[in-house]
Amino acid sequence: DLIEQMTTGFGELQQEEISRAQGAVARQFANTRGQETRRQAGYGVSLRPETQGDYQRTETSALVAARNFAQMRSVERRNQILSGGLGSALTERSALGG
């Protein structure tokens, strides 16, 4: 069943994993932005427009990194499943120089 999922439904599984990673990053940035807004409100100030832009750029960068990592990880997991786990053993062995 697992091999069948990796060969026929891989695209959907990969997209689900990417969506989960993207959602996690978005939630974390929303939490961080909210905390910073509340912290500054305690001092009677609000976020400067430059800070808002910084948050947006940083969040966009983190979203792209999370999507790329999730995609690479899903391909790696797929290859390990299809090779019966031999891929990871070979990678470790070559990394260790053995």
C-alpha atoms as a PDB file:
ATOM      1  CA  ASP A   1       0.000   0.000   0.000  1.00  0.00           C
ATOM      2  CA  LEU A   2       2.808   2.396   0.888  1.00  0.00           C
ATOM      3  CA  ILE A   3       4.675   1.736  -2.368  1.00  0.00           C
ATOM      4  CA  GLU A   4       1.451   2.244  -4.309  1.00  0.00           C
ATOM      5  CA  GLN A   5       0.924   5.595  -2.573  1.00  0.00           C
ATOM      6  CA  MET A   6       4.464   6.633  -3.448  1.00  0.00           C
ATOM      7  CA  THR A   7       4.041   5.752  -7.120  1.00  0.00           C
ATOM      8  CA  THR A   8       0.462   6.803  -7.896  1.00  0.00           C
ATOM      9  CA  GLY A   9      -0.513   9.385  -5.280  1.00  0.00           C
ATOM     10  CA  PHE A  10       2.835  10.995  -4.641  1.00  0.00           C
ATOM     11  CA  GLY A  11       1.897  14.409  -6.022  1.00  0.00           C
ATOM     12  CA  GLU A  12      -1.043  14.742  -3.656  1.00  0.00           C
ATOM     13  CA  LEU A  13       0.967  13.550  -0.654  1.00  0.00           C
ATOM     14  CA  GLN A  14       3.776  15.933  -1.504  1.00  0.00           C
ATOM     15  CA  GLN A  15       1.372  18.856  -1.827  1.00  0.00           C
ATOM     16  CA  GLU A  16      -0.184  18.014   1.554  1.00  0.00           C
ATOM     17  CA  GLU A  17       3.243  18.038   3.176  1.00  0.00           C
ATOM     18  CA  ILE A  18       4.129  21.354   1.541  1.00  0.00           C
ATOM     19  CA  SER A  19       0.817  22.834   2.689  1.00  0.00           C
ATOM     20  CA  ARG A  20       1.430  21.682   6.277  1.00  0.00           C
ATOM     21  CA  ALA A  21       4.889  23.272   6.287  1.00  0.00           C
ATOM     22  CA  GLN A  22       3.551  26.486   4.792  1.00  0.00           C
ATOM     23  CA  GLY A  23       0.723  26.606   7.343  1.00  0.00           C
ATOM     24  CA  ALA A  24       3.123  26.079  10.233  1.00  0.00           C
ATOM     25  CA  VAL A  25       5.340  28.944   9.091  1.00  0.00           C
ATOM     26  CA  ALA A  26       2.357  31.250   8.559  1.00  0.00           C
ATOM     27  CA  ARG A  27       0.976  30.465  12.042  1.00  0.00           C
ATOM     28  CA  GLN A  28       4.335  31.078  13.673  1.00  0.00           C
ATOM     29  CA  PHE A  29       4.785  34.410  11.954  1.00  0.00           C
ATOM     30  CA  ALA A  30       1.238  35.450  12.874  1.00  0.00           C
ATOM     31  CA  ASN A  31       2.011  34.594  16.510  1.00  0.00           C
ATOM     32  CA  THR A  32       5.292  36.492  16.437  1.00  0.00           C
ATOM     33  CA  ARG A  33       3.736  39.527  14.785  1.00  0.00           C
ATOM     34  CA  GLY A  34       0.914  39.513  17.351  1.00  0.00           C
ATOM     35  CA  GLN A  35       3.340  39.259  20.258  1.00  0.00           C
ATOM     36  CA  GLU A  36       5.418  42.139  18.945  1.00  0.00           C
ATOM     37  CA  THR A  37       2.323  44.267  18.350  1.00  0.00           C
ATOM     38  CA  ARG A  38       1.090  43.628  21.908  1.00  0.00           C
ATOM     39  CA  ARG A  39       4.540  44.284  23.352  1.00  0.00           C
ATOM     40  CA  GLN A  40       4.856  47.613  21.600  1.00  0.00           C
ATOM     41  CA  ALA A  41       1.255  48.531  22.440  1.00  0.00           C
ATOM     42  CA  GLY A  42       2.242  48.173  26.080  1.00  0.00           C
ATOM     43  CA  TYR A  43       4.627  51.071  25.502  1.00  0.00           C
ATOM     44  CA  GLY A  44       1.999  53.050  23.602  1.00  0.00           C
ATOM     45  CA  VAL A  45       3.602  52.657  20.166  1.00  0.00           C
ATOM     46  CA  SER A  46       2.691  50.689  17.076  1.00  0.00           C
ATOM     47  CA  LEU A  47       4.737  48.806  14.504  1.00  0.00           C
ATOM     48  CA  ARG A  48       6.504  51.083  12.065  1.00  0.00           C
ATOM     49  CA  PRO A  49       5.818  50.561   8.351  1.00  0.00           C
ATOM     50  CA  GLU A  50       9.451  49.498   7.892  1.00  0.00           C
ATOM     51  CA  THR A  51       8.987  46.817  10.529  1.00  0.00           C
ATOM     52  CA  GLN A  52       5.824  45.591   8.801  1.00  0.00           C
ATOM     53  CA  GLY A  53       7.801  45.318   5.558  1.00  0.00           C
ATOM     54  CA  ASP A  54      10.595  43.472   7.331  1.00  0.00           C
ATOM     55  CA  TYR A  55       8.116  40.972   8.745  1.00  0.00           C
ATOM     56  CA  GLN A  56       6.577  40.424   5.312  1.00  0.00           C
ATOM     57  CA  ARG A  57       9.939  39.893   3.620  1.00  0.00           C
ATOM     58  CA  THR A  58      11.136  37.555   6.348  1.00  0.00           C
ATOM     59  CA  GLU A  59       7.875  35.606   6.265  1.00  0.00           C
ATOM     60  CA  THR A  60       8.025  35.264   2.485  1.00  0.00           C
ATOM     61  CA  SER A  61      11.598  34.024   2.695  1.00  0.00           C
ATOM     62  CA  ALA A  62      10.687  31.517   5.417  1.00  0.00           C
ATOM     63  CA  LEU A  63       7.676  30.284   3.419  1.00  0.00           C
ATOM     64  CA  VAL A  64       9.828  29.673   0.353  1.00  0.00           C
ATOM     65  CA  ALA A  65      12.441  27.854   2.446  1.00  0.00           C
ATOM     66  CA  ALA A  66       9.770  25.717   4.154  1.00  0.00           C
ATOM     67  CA  ARG A  67       8.152  24.804   0.821  1.00  0.00           C
ATOM     68  CA  ASN A  68      11.522  23.874  -0.695  1.00  0.00           C
ATOM     69  CA  PHE A  69      12.569  21.821   2.329  1.00  0.00           C
ATOM     70  CA  ALA A  70       9.213  20.012   2.458  1.00  0.00           C
ATOM     71  CA  GLN A  71       9.460  19.203  -1.236  1.00  0.00           C
ATOM     72  CA  MET A  72      13.031  17.907  -0.939  1.00  0.00           C
ATOM     73  CA  ARG A  73      12.169  15.888   2.163  1.00  0.00           C
ATOM     74  CA  SER A  74       9.135  14.282   0.518  1.00  0.00           C
ATOM     75  CA  VAL A  75      11.206  13.262  -2.515  1.00  0.00           C
ATOM     76  CA  GLU A  76      13.895  11.877  -0.219  1.00  0.00           C
ATOM     77  CA  ARG A  77      11.320   9.914   1.795  1.00  0.00           C
ATOM     78  CA  ARG A  78       9.769   8.593  -1.418  1.00  0.00           C
ATOM     79  CA  ASN A  79      13.144   7.399  -2.693  1.00  0.00           C
ATOM     80  CA  GLN A  80      13.887   5.694   0.619  1.00  0.00           C
ATOM     81  CA  ILE A  81      10.535   3.918   0.611  1.00  0.00           C
ATOM     82  CA  LEU A  82      10.852   2.795  -2.995  1.00  0.00           C
ATOM     83  CA  SER A  83      14.412   1.570  -2.463  1.00  0.00           C
ATOM     84  CA  GLY A  84      13.485  -0.279   0.709  1.00  0.00           C
ATOM     85  CA  GLY A  85      15.589   2.033   2.844  1.00  0.00           C
ATOM     86  CA  LEU A  86      18.784   1.267   0.940  1.00  0.00           C
ATOM     87  CA  GLY A  87      19.114   4.859  -0.208  1.00  0.00           C
ATOM     88  CA  SER A  88      19.580   6.210   3.296  1.00  0.00           C
ATOM     89  CA  ALA A  89      22.154   3.555   4.170  1.00  0.00           C
ATOM     90  CA  LEU A  90      24.155   4.341   1.036  1.00  0.00           C
ATOM     91  CA  THR A  91      23.980   8.066   1.696  1.00  0.00           C
ATOM     92  CA  GLU A  92      25.181   7.634   5.274  1.00  0.00           C
ATOM     93  CA  ARG A  93      27.982   5.321   4.197  1.00  0.00           C
ATOM     94  CA  SER A  94      29.229   7.700   1.523  1.00  0.00           C
ATOM     95  CA  ALA A  95      28.988  10.652   3.924  1.00  0.00           C
ATOM     96  CA  LEU A  96      31.099   8.779   6.450  1.00  0.00           C
ATOM     97  CA  GLY A  97      33.635   7.814   3.810  1.00  0.00           C
ATOM     98  CA  GLY A  98      33.017   4.100   4.215  1.00  0.00           C
END
